[in-house]
Amino acid sequence: MHAKDILIDGFSRIREEVHATVEGLGPDELSARPSPDTNSIAWLVWHLTRVQDDHMADAFGRDQVWLSQDWDKRFGLDLPRRDTGYGHSPAKVARVQVDSGELLTGYYDAVHEQSMDALRGLAAKDLERVVDERWDPPVTLGVRLVSVLSDDLQHIGQAAYLRGLLQSAAA
């Protein structure tokens, strides 16, 4: 198995979990927060998708789907256009509201499609390319991809856990 195949499998698992976590939830459940200082499912899925979109676009020299396909307008959030959610205060987390899970999964699917297109074209040597020299040591494409994969898996796990909490409270 090649490294790109492992990455493709990993990112495909995120897509499966995004759909499973969001499916069947309404706006109130998507925006529910166990306490004022915690994140909602909507915020977690939006954020993991924004990070994947932002980092993959940068690493592969592509446009962000958020901007090029007008997802920023579809979401209509009261946030800067390039905001990814990094370092959001509870007040900013509360701004991420959606009318349906389809908006979240639609955006994720568009980002996933662009990510898969980029990953399918990878050669092993590409993973050694430096994509960010602001760090010591500089960040390679391989390290960046694993970082995005790790961050996304953590956030979708948090969202799935929150879904379970909401469903158990409703039962």
N, C-alpha and C. Protein backbone atom coordinates (compact mmCIF):
# COMPACT_ATOMS: atom_id res chain seq x y z
N MET A 1 0.85 -1.18 0.00
CA MET A 1 0.00 0.00 0.00
C MET A 1 0.90 1.24 0.00
N HIS A 2 0.57 2.18 -0.84
CA HIS A 2 1.34 3.42 -0.92
C HIS A 2 0.83 4.43 0.10
N ALA A 3 1.69 5.37 0.47
CA ALA A 3 1.32 6.40 1.45
C ALA A 3 0.09 7.17 1.01
N LYS A 4 -0.02 7.47 -0.28
CA LYS A 4 -1.19 8.22 -0.73
C LYS A 4 -2.46 7.43 -0.53
N ASP A 5 -2.39 6.11 -0.64
CA ASP A 5 -3.57 5.28 -0.43
C ASP A 5 -4.01 5.30 1.03
N ILE A 6 -3.04 5.35 1.93
CA ILE A 6 -3.35 5.45 3.36
C ILE A 6 -4.01 6.79 3.65
N LEU A 7 -3.48 7.86 3.06
CA LEU A 7 -4.07 9.19 3.26
C LEU A 7 -5.47 9.25 2.68
N ILE A 8 -5.67 8.71 1.50
CA ILE A 8 -7.00 8.69 0.88
C ILE A 8 -7.98 7.94 1.77
N ASP A 9 -7.56 6.80 2.30
CA ASP A 9 -8.42 6.04 3.20
C ASP A 9 -8.75 6.85 4.46
N GLY A 10 -7.75 7.48 5.04
CA GLY A 10 -7.96 8.27 6.25
C GLY A 10 -8.93 9.42 6.04
N PHE A 11 -8.75 10.17 4.97
CA PHE A 11 -9.66 11.29 4.69
C PHE A 11 -11.06 10.79 4.32
N SER A 12 -11.15 9.62 3.69
CA SER A 12 -12.46 9.06 3.37
C SER A 12 -13.21 8.66 4.64
N ARG A 13 -12.49 8.22 5.66
CA ARG A 13 -13.13 7.88 6.94
C ARG A 13 -13.70 9.12 7.61
N ILE A 14 -13.02 10.24 7.47
CA ILE A 14 -13.55 11.49 8.02
C ILE A 14 -14.89 11.81 7.36
N ARG A 15 -14.94 11.67 6.05
CA ARG A 15 -16.19 11.95 5.32
C ARG A 15 -17.31 11.07 5.85
N GLU A 16 -17.05 9.78 6.01
CA GLU A 16 -18.06 8.87 6.53
C GLU A 16 -18.56 9.32 7.90
N GLU A 17 -17.64 9.72 8.76
CA GLU A 17 -18.00 10.13 10.12
C GLU A 17 -18.75 11.46 10.13
N VAL A 18 -18.38 12.37 9.24
CA VAL A 18 -19.11 13.65 9.14
C VAL A 18 -20.57 13.36 8.82
N HIS A 19 -20.80 12.53 7.83
CA HIS A 19 -22.18 12.21 7.45
C HIS A 19 -22.92 11.49 8.57
N ALA A 20 -22.28 10.51 9.20
CA ALA A 20 -22.94 9.75 10.26
C ALA A 20 -23.26 10.64 11.47
N THR A 21 -22.41 11.59 11.75
CA THR A 21 -22.60 12.46 12.91
C THR A 21 -23.70 13.48 12.68
N VAL A 22 -23.80 14.01 11.49
CA VAL A 22 -24.75 15.10 11.19
C VAL A 22 -26.13 14.58 10.78
N GLU A 23 -26.17 13.39 10.20
CA GLU A 23 -27.41 12.85 9.64
C GLU A 23 -28.57 12.87 10.64
N GLY A 24 -29.68 13.44 10.18
CA GLY A 24 -30.91 13.43 10.96
C GLY A 24 -31.02 14.49 12.04
N LEU A 25 -30.00 15.31 12.20
CA LEU A 25 -30.05 16.35 13.23
C LEU A 25 -30.62 17.64 12.66
N GLY A 26 -31.43 18.31 13.46
CA GLY A 26 -31.98 19.60 13.06
C GLY A 26 -31.13 20.74 13.55
N PRO A 27 -31.50 21.96 13.19
CA PRO A 27 -30.72 23.14 13.57
C PRO A 27 -30.47 23.27 15.07
N ASP A 28 -31.47 22.96 15.88
CA ASP A 28 -31.30 23.09 17.34
C ASP A 28 -30.26 22.11 17.86
N GLU A 29 -30.30 20.88 17.38
CA GLU A 29 -29.32 19.88 17.82
C GLU A 29 -27.92 20.22 17.31
N LEU A 30 -27.84 20.69 16.08
CA LEU A 30 -26.54 21.04 15.51
C LEU A 30 -25.88 22.20 16.25
N SER A 31 -26.68 23.10 16.78
CA SER A 31 -26.11 24.27 17.46
C SER A 31 -26.08 24.12 18.97
N ALA A 32 -26.58 23.00 19.50
CA ALA A 32 -26.59 22.80 20.95
C ALA A 32 -25.17 22.72 21.50
N ARG A 33 -25.00 23.32 22.68
CA ARG A 33 -23.71 23.30 23.37
C ARG A 33 -23.96 22.89 24.82
N PRO A 34 -23.27 21.89 25.32
CA PRO A 34 -23.49 21.44 26.70
C PRO A 34 -23.29 22.53 27.74
N SER A 35 -22.42 23.48 27.44
CA SER A 35 -22.22 24.65 28.30
C SER A 35 -21.78 25.80 27.40
N PRO A 36 -21.86 27.02 27.91
CA PRO A 36 -21.52 28.18 27.05
C PRO A 36 -20.07 28.20 26.55
N ASP A 37 -19.19 27.45 27.19
CA ASP A 37 -17.78 27.46 26.78
C ASP A 37 -17.40 26.28 25.91
N THR A 38 -18.38 25.51 25.44
CA THR A 38 -18.08 24.34 24.61
C THR A 38 -18.50 24.57 23.17
N ASN A 39 -18.07 23.68 22.32
CA ASN A 39 -18.37 23.78 20.89
C ASN A 39 -19.63 22.99 20.55
N SER A 40 -20.27 23.39 19.47
CA SER A 40 -21.45 22.68 18.96
C SER A 40 -21.01 21.73 17.85
N ILE A 41 -21.90 20.83 17.47
CA ILE A 41 -21.63 19.95 16.34
C ILE A 41 -21.43 20.79 15.08
N ALA A 42 -22.28 21.79 14.89
CA ALA A 42 -22.15 22.65 13.70
C ALA A 42 -20.78 23.30 13.66
N TRP A 43 -20.34 23.85 14.79
CA TRP A 43 -19.04 24.51 14.81
C TRP A 43 -17.92 23.50 14.55
N LEU A 44 -17.97 22.34 15.20
CA LEU A 44 -16.91 21.35 15.04
C LEU A 44 -16.78 20.87 13.59
N VAL A 45 -17.92 20.59 12.95
CA VAL A 45 -17.88 20.11 11.56
C VAL A 45 -17.46 21.25 10.63
N TRP A 46 -18.00 22.44 10.85
CA TRP A 46 -17.58 23.59 10.04
C TRP A 46 -16.08 23.83 10.19
N HIS A 47 -15.59 23.83 11.41
CA HIS A 47 -14.18 24.10 11.67
C HIS A 47 -13.27 23.04 11.05
N LEU A 48 -13.58 21.77 11.24
CA LEU A 48 -12.70 20.74 10.66
C LEU A 48 -12.69 20.83 9.15
N THR A 49 -13.82 21.20 8.57
CA THR A 49 -13.89 21.36 7.12
C THR A 49 -13.12 22.58 6.66
N ARG A 50 -13.23 23.68 7.40
CA ARG A 50 -12.48 24.89 7.06
C ARG A 50 -10.98 24.64 7.15
N VAL A 51 -10.54 23.94 8.19
CA VAL A 51 -9.10 23.65 8.33
C VAL A 51 -8.62 22.78 7.17
N GLN A 52 -9.37 21.74 6.85
CA GLN A 52 -8.98 20.88 5.73
C GLN A 52 -8.94 21.69 4.44
N ASP A 53 -9.95 22.49 4.21
CA ASP A 53 -10.02 23.31 3.00
C ASP A 53 -8.84 24.26 2.92
N ASP A 54 -8.60 25.00 3.99
CA ASP A 54 -7.54 25.99 4.05
C ASP A 54 -6.16 25.35 3.87
N HIS A 55 -5.88 24.31 4.64
CA HIS A 55 -4.55 23.72 4.62
C HIS A 55 -4.26 22.94 3.33
N MET A 56 -5.26 22.23 2.84
CA MET A 56 -5.05 21.47 1.60
C MET A 56 -4.89 22.43 0.41
N ALA A 57 -5.71 23.46 0.36
CA ALA A 57 -5.59 24.43 -0.72
C ALA A 57 -4.21 25.07 -0.72
N ASP A 58 -3.74 25.45 0.46
CA ASP A 58 -2.43 26.07 0.57
C ASP A 58 -1.33 25.09 0.15
N ALA A 59 -1.40 23.86 0.64
CA ALA A 59 -0.35 22.87 0.37
C ALA A 59 -0.28 22.47 -1.09
N PHE A 60 -1.42 22.50 -1.78
CA PHE A 60 -1.46 22.05 -3.17
C PHE A 60 -1.61 23.21 -4.17
N GLY A 61 -1.54 24.46 -3.68
CA GLY A 61 -1.62 25.60 -4.58
C GLY A 61 -2.97 25.74 -5.27
N ARG A 62 -4.03 25.46 -4.54
CA ARG A 62 -5.38 25.54 -5.09
C ARG A 62 -6.17 26.62 -4.36
N ASP A 63 -7.32 26.96 -4.92
CA ASP A 63 -8.22 27.89 -4.26
C ASP A 63 -9.01 27.15 -3.19
N GLN A 64 -9.34 27.85 -2.12
CA GLN A 64 -10.21 27.27 -1.11
C GLN A 64 -11.61 27.11 -1.68
N VAL A 65 -12.19 25.97 -1.45
CA VAL A 65 -13.56 25.69 -1.88
C VAL A 65 -14.52 26.69 -1.21
N TRP A 66 -14.25 27.04 0.03
CA TRP A 66 -15.06 28.00 0.80
C TRP A 66 -15.29 29.28 0.01
N LEU A 67 -14.24 29.74 -0.65
CA LEU A 67 -14.30 31.00 -1.39
C LEU A 67 -14.65 30.78 -2.87
N SER A 68 -14.04 29.79 -3.51
CA SER A 68 -14.23 29.62 -4.95
C SER A 68 -15.61 29.08 -5.31
N GLN A 69 -16.26 28.39 -4.39
CA GLN A 69 -17.60 27.85 -4.67
C GLN A 69 -18.68 28.56 -3.84
N ASP A 70 -18.33 29.70 -3.27
CA ASP A 70 -19.28 30.57 -2.55
C ASP A 70 -19.92 29.93 -1.32
N TRP A 71 -19.21 28.99 -0.67
CA TRP A 71 -19.74 28.42 0.56
C TRP A 71 -19.79 29.48 1.65
N ASP A 72 -18.89 30.45 1.61
CA ASP A 72 -18.94 31.53 2.60
C ASP A 72 -20.27 32.27 2.52
N LYS A 73 -20.77 32.47 1.32
CA LYS A 73 -22.07 33.15 1.14
C LYS A 73 -23.22 32.24 1.54
N ARG A 74 -23.12 30.96 1.23
CA ARG A 74 -24.19 30.02 1.58
C ARG A 74 -24.35 29.90 3.10
N PHE A 75 -23.23 29.91 3.82
CA PHE A 75 -23.30 29.84 5.27
C PHE A 75 -23.73 31.17 5.87
N GLY A 76 -23.28 32.28 5.29
CA GLY A 76 -23.68 33.60 5.76
C GLY A 76 -23.30 33.87 7.21
N LEU A 77 -22.13 33.45 7.62
CA LEU A 77 -21.69 33.63 9.01
C LEU A 77 -21.18 35.05 9.23
N ASP A 78 -21.35 35.53 10.42
CA ASP A 78 -20.84 36.84 10.80
C ASP A 78 -19.39 36.70 11.26
N LEU A 79 -18.54 36.27 10.30
CA LEU A 79 -17.12 36.05 10.56
C LEU A 79 -16.33 36.51 9.33
N PRO A 80 -15.05 36.81 9.51
CA PRO A 80 -14.23 37.14 8.34
C PRO A 80 -14.24 35.98 7.33
N ARG A 81 -14.17 36.30 6.05
CA ARG A 81 -14.28 35.29 4.98
C ARG A 81 -13.27 34.16 5.09
N ARG A 82 -12.07 34.46 5.54
CA ARG A 82 -11.01 33.45 5.60
C ARG A 82 -10.90 32.78 6.97
N ASP A 83 -11.79 33.09 7.87
CA ASP A 83 -11.78 32.52 9.22
C ASP A 83 -11.91 31.00 9.15
N THR A 84 -11.09 30.29 9.93
CA THR A 84 -11.17 28.83 9.99
C THR A 84 -11.67 28.36 11.35
N GLY A 85 -11.86 29.28 12.28
CA GLY A 85 -12.32 28.91 13.61
C GLY A 85 -11.20 28.75 14.62
N TYR A 86 -9.96 28.83 14.16
CA TYR A 86 -8.83 28.66 15.07
C TYR A 86 -8.86 29.76 16.14
N GLY A 87 -8.83 29.34 17.41
CA GLY A 87 -8.81 30.28 18.52
C GLY A 87 -10.13 30.99 18.79
N HIS A 88 -11.22 30.45 18.29
CA HIS A 88 -12.52 31.10 18.49
C HIS A 88 -12.90 31.18 19.95
N SER A 89 -13.43 32.32 20.31
CA SER A 89 -14.01 32.53 21.63
C SER A 89 -15.40 31.87 21.65
N PRO A 90 -15.99 31.67 22.82
CA PRO A 90 -17.36 31.13 22.87
C PRO A 90 -18.36 31.96 22.07
N ALA A 91 -18.16 33.28 22.05
CA ALA A 91 -19.08 34.14 21.28
C ALA A 91 -18.96 33.87 19.78
N LYS A 92 -17.76 33.63 19.30
CA LYS A 92 -17.59 33.33 17.87
C LYS A 92 -18.11 31.92 17.55
N VAL A 93 -17.91 30.98 18.46
CA VAL A 93 -18.46 29.63 18.26
C VAL A 93 -19.97 29.73 18.08
N ALA A 94 -20.61 30.57 18.87
CA ALA A 94 -22.07 30.72 18.81
C ALA A 94 -22.54 31.29 17.47
N ARG A 95 -21.67 31.96 16.74
CA ARG A 95 -22.05 32.52 15.44
C ARG A 95 -22.20 31.46 14.35
N VAL A 96 -21.64 30.30 14.57
CA VAL A 96 -21.71 29.24 13.56
C VAL A 96 -23.03 28.48 13.75
N GLN A 97 -24.03 28.94 13.02
CA GLN A 97 -25.37 28.38 13.03
C GLN A 97 -25.71 27.94 11.61
N VAL A 98 -26.39 26.81 11.50
CA VAL A 98 -26.81 26.33 10.18
C VAL A 98 -28.28 25.94 10.23
N ASP A 99 -28.94 26.06 9.09
CA ASP A 99 -30.35 25.68 8.99
C ASP A 99 -30.53 24.18 8.82
N SER A 100 -29.47 23.49 8.35
CA SER A 100 -29.59 22.05 8.12
C SER A 100 -28.22 21.40 8.11
N GLY A 101 -28.23 20.10 8.36
CA GLY A 101 -27.00 19.34 8.26
C GLY A 101 -26.51 19.23 6.84
N GLU A 102 -27.43 19.36 5.88
CA GLU A 102 -27.04 19.26 4.47
C GLU A 102 -26.06 20.36 4.07
N LEU A 103 -26.17 21.51 4.70
CA LEU A 103 -25.21 22.58 4.42
C LEU A 103 -23.81 22.14 4.85
N LEU A 104 -23.71 21.56 6.03
CA LEU A 104 -22.42 21.09 6.54
C LEU A 104 -21.86 19.96 5.68
N THR A 105 -22.69 18.96 5.38
CA THR A 105 -22.19 17.83 4.59
C THR A 105 -21.92 18.24 3.14
N GLY A 106 -22.69 19.16 2.63
CA GLY A 106 -22.44 19.64 1.27
C GLY A 106 -21.08 20.31 1.16
N TYR A 107 -20.78 21.18 2.13
CA TYR A 107 -19.48 21.84 2.13
C TYR A 107 -18.37 20.81 2.34
N TYR A 108 -18.57 19.89 3.29
CA TYR A 108 -17.53 18.89 3.52
C TYR A 108 -17.30 18.07 2.24
N ASP A 109 -18.37 17.65 1.58
CA ASP A 109 -18.22 16.84 0.38
C ASP A 109 -17.45 17.57 -0.72
N ALA A 110 -17.69 18.87 -0.85
CA ALA A 110 -16.97 19.65 -1.86
C ALA A 110 -15.48 19.73 -1.52
N VAL A 111 -15.16 19.91 -0.23
CA VAL A 111 -13.76 19.94 0.20
C VAL A 111 -13.14 18.56 0.03
N HIS A 112 -13.89 17.54 0.38
CA HIS A 112 -13.39 16.16 0.26
C HIS A 112 -13.05 15.84 -1.20
N GLU A 113 -13.93 16.25 -2.10
CA GLU A 113 -13.69 16.01 -3.53
C GLU A 113 -12.38 16.66 -3.98
N GLN A 114 -12.16 17.90 -3.58
CA GLN A 114 -10.91 18.58 -3.96
C GLN A 114 -9.71 17.91 -3.29
N SER A 115 -9.88 17.51 -2.04
CA SER A 115 -8.79 16.83 -1.33
C SER A 115 -8.43 15.51 -2.02
N MET A 116 -9.44 14.73 -2.39
CA MET A 116 -9.18 13.45 -3.05
C MET A 116 -8.48 13.65 -4.39
N ASP A 117 -8.89 14.68 -5.12
CA ASP A 117 -8.25 14.97 -6.40
C ASP A 117 -6.76 15.27 -6.19
N ALA A 118 -6.45 16.05 -5.16
CA ALA A 118 -5.05 16.38 -4.87
C ALA A 118 -4.28 15.14 -4.42
N LEU A 119 -4.88 14.34 -3.56
CA LEU A 119 -4.19 13.17 -3.03
C LEU A 119 -3.95 12.10 -4.10
N ARG A 120 -4.88 11.93 -5.00
CA ARG A 120 -4.72 10.91 -6.06
C ARG A 120 -3.49 11.19 -6.93
N GLY A 121 -3.13 12.45 -7.06
CA GLY A 121 -1.99 12.82 -7.90
C GLY A 121 -0.65 12.80 -7.19
N LEU A 122 -0.63 12.40 -5.92
CA LEU A 122 0.61 12.41 -5.15
C LEU A 122 1.59 11.32 -5.58
N ALA A 123 2.85 11.68 -5.59
CA ALA A 123 3.94 10.71 -5.72
C ALA A 123 4.66 10.71 -4.37
N ALA A 124 5.33 9.62 -4.05
CA ALA A 124 6.01 9.49 -2.76
C ALA A 124 6.95 10.68 -2.50
N LYS A 125 7.66 11.11 -3.51
CA LYS A 125 8.63 12.21 -3.34
C LYS A 125 7.94 13.53 -2.99
N ASP A 126 6.67 13.68 -3.39
CA ASP A 126 5.94 14.91 -3.09
C ASP A 126 5.77 15.13 -1.59
N LEU A 127 5.72 14.06 -0.83
CA LEU A 127 5.50 14.16 0.61
C LEU A 127 6.67 14.82 1.32
N GLU A 128 7.82 14.87 0.67
CA GLU A 128 9.01 15.49 1.25
C GLU A 128 9.10 16.99 0.97
N ARG A 129 8.25 17.48 0.09
CA ARG A 129 8.28 18.91 -0.27
C ARG A 129 7.92 19.77 0.94
N VAL A 130 8.72 20.81 1.18
CA VAL A 130 8.46 21.73 2.29
C VAL A 130 7.32 22.66 1.89
N VAL A 131 6.31 22.75 2.76
CA VAL A 131 5.15 23.59 2.50
C VAL A 131 5.04 24.76 3.47
N ASP A 132 5.85 24.75 4.53
CA ASP A 132 5.79 25.84 5.51
C ASP A 132 7.14 25.95 6.21
N GLU A 133 7.84 27.05 5.91
CA GLU A 133 9.17 27.26 6.48
C GLU A 133 9.15 28.05 7.77
N ARG A 134 7.97 28.39 8.28
CA ARG A 134 7.88 29.17 9.51
C ARG A 134 8.19 28.34 10.76
N TRP A 135 8.32 27.04 10.62
CA TRP A 135 8.55 26.15 11.74
C TRP A 135 9.97 25.59 11.69
N ASP A 136 10.45 25.11 12.82
CA ASP A 136 11.76 24.48 12.88
C ASP A 136 11.59 23.10 13.50
N PRO A 137 11.69 22.06 12.73
CA PRO A 137 12.07 22.03 11.32
C PRO A 137 10.90 22.45 10.42
N PRO A 138 11.22 22.83 9.20
CA PRO A 138 10.17 23.20 8.25
C PRO A 138 9.18 22.05 8.06
N VAL A 139 7.94 22.39 7.77
CA VAL A 139 6.87 21.41 7.63
C VAL A 139 6.83 20.88 6.19
N THR A 140 6.88 19.56 6.07
CA THR A 140 6.76 18.94 4.75
C THR A 140 5.29 18.68 4.44
N LEU A 141 5.01 18.39 3.18
CA LEU A 141 3.65 18.06 2.78
C LEU A 141 3.14 16.84 3.55
N GLY A 142 3.98 15.84 3.73
CA GLY A 142 3.57 14.65 4.47
C GLY A 142 3.16 14.98 5.89
N VAL A 143 3.96 15.79 6.56
CA VAL A 143 3.64 16.19 7.94
C VAL A 143 2.36 17.02 7.98
N ARG A 144 2.19 17.92 7.02
CA ARG A 144 0.98 18.75 6.98
C ARG A 144 -0.26 17.89 6.79
N LEU A 145 -0.19 16.92 5.90
CA LEU A 145 -1.35 16.05 5.65
C LEU A 145 -1.72 15.23 6.88
N VAL A 146 -0.72 14.70 7.57
CA VAL A 146 -1.00 13.94 8.79
C VAL A 146 -1.56 14.86 9.87
N SER A 147 -1.07 16.09 9.93
CA SER A 147 -1.58 17.06 10.89
C SER A 147 -3.06 17.36 10.65
N VAL A 148 -3.43 17.58 9.40
CA VAL A 148 -4.83 17.85 9.06
C VAL A 148 -5.68 16.62 9.36
N LEU A 149 -5.20 15.46 9.01
CA LEU A 149 -5.92 14.22 9.28
C LEU A 149 -6.15 14.05 10.78
N SER A 150 -5.13 14.28 11.57
CA SER A 150 -5.24 14.16 13.02
C SER A 150 -6.24 15.16 13.59
N ASP A 151 -6.14 16.41 13.18
CA ASP A 151 -7.04 17.46 13.67
C ASP A 151 -8.49 17.14 13.31
N ASP A 152 -8.71 16.73 12.07
CA ASP A 152 -10.07 16.41 11.62
C ASP A 152 -10.64 15.22 12.38
N LEU A 153 -9.83 14.19 12.60
CA LEU A 153 -10.31 13.02 13.33
C LEU A 153 -10.67 13.37 14.78
N GLN A 154 -9.86 14.22 15.39
CA GLN A 154 -10.17 14.64 16.76
C GLN A 154 -11.50 15.39 16.81
N HIS A 155 -11.69 16.31 15.89
CA HIS A 155 -12.92 17.12 15.91
C HIS A 155 -14.16 16.32 15.55
N ILE A 156 -14.06 15.39 14.61
CA ILE A 156 -15.25 14.61 14.29
C ILE A 156 -15.56 13.66 15.44
N GLY A 157 -14.54 13.20 16.15
CA GLY A 157 -14.78 12.39 17.35
C GLY A 157 -15.50 13.19 18.43
N GLN A 158 -15.11 14.45 18.60
CA GLN A 158 -15.79 15.31 19.56
C GLN A 158 -17.25 15.53 19.16
N ALA A 159 -17.47 15.74 17.88
CA ALA A 159 -18.84 15.96 17.39
C ALA A 159 -19.70 14.70 17.58
N ALA A 160 -19.13 13.54 17.30
CA ALA A 160 -19.86 12.29 17.47
C ALA A 160 -20.19 12.06 18.95
N TYR A 161 -19.26 12.38 19.82
CA TYR A 161 -19.49 12.26 21.26
C TYR A 161 -20.63 13.20 21.69
N LEU A 162 -20.60 14.41 21.18
CA LEU A 162 -21.65 15.39 21.50
C LEU A 162 -23.01 14.90 21.00
N ARG A 163 -23.04 14.32 19.82
CA ARG A 163 -24.29 13.75 19.31
C ARG A 163 -24.82 12.70 20.29
N GLY A 164 -23.94 11.84 20.76
CA GLY A 164 -24.34 10.82 21.74
C GLY A 164 -24.89 11.42 23.01
N LEU A 165 -24.25 12.47 23.50
CA LEU A 165 -24.76 13.17 24.70
C LEU A 165 -26.16 13.72 24.47
N LEU A 166 -26.34 14.36 23.31
CA LEU A 166 -27.64 14.96 23.00
C LEU A 166 -28.73 13.88 22.89
N GLN A 167 -28.39 12.78 22.24
CA GLN A 167 -29.38 11.71 22.06
C GLN A 167 -29.71 11.05 23.39
N SER A 168 -28.72 10.89 24.26
CA SER A 168 -28.99 10.25 25.55
C SER A 168 -29.80 11.19 26.44
N ALA A 169 -29.58 12.48 26.34
CA ALA A 169 -30.37 13.45 27.13
C ALA A 169 -31.81 13.50 26.66
N ALA A 170 -32.02 13.27 25.36
CA ALA A 170 -33.37 13.33 24.79
C ALA A 170 -34.16 12.04 25.07
N ALA A 171 -33.44 10.96 25.37
CA ALA A 171 -34.11 9.65 25.56
C ALA A 171 -34.81 9.52 26.91
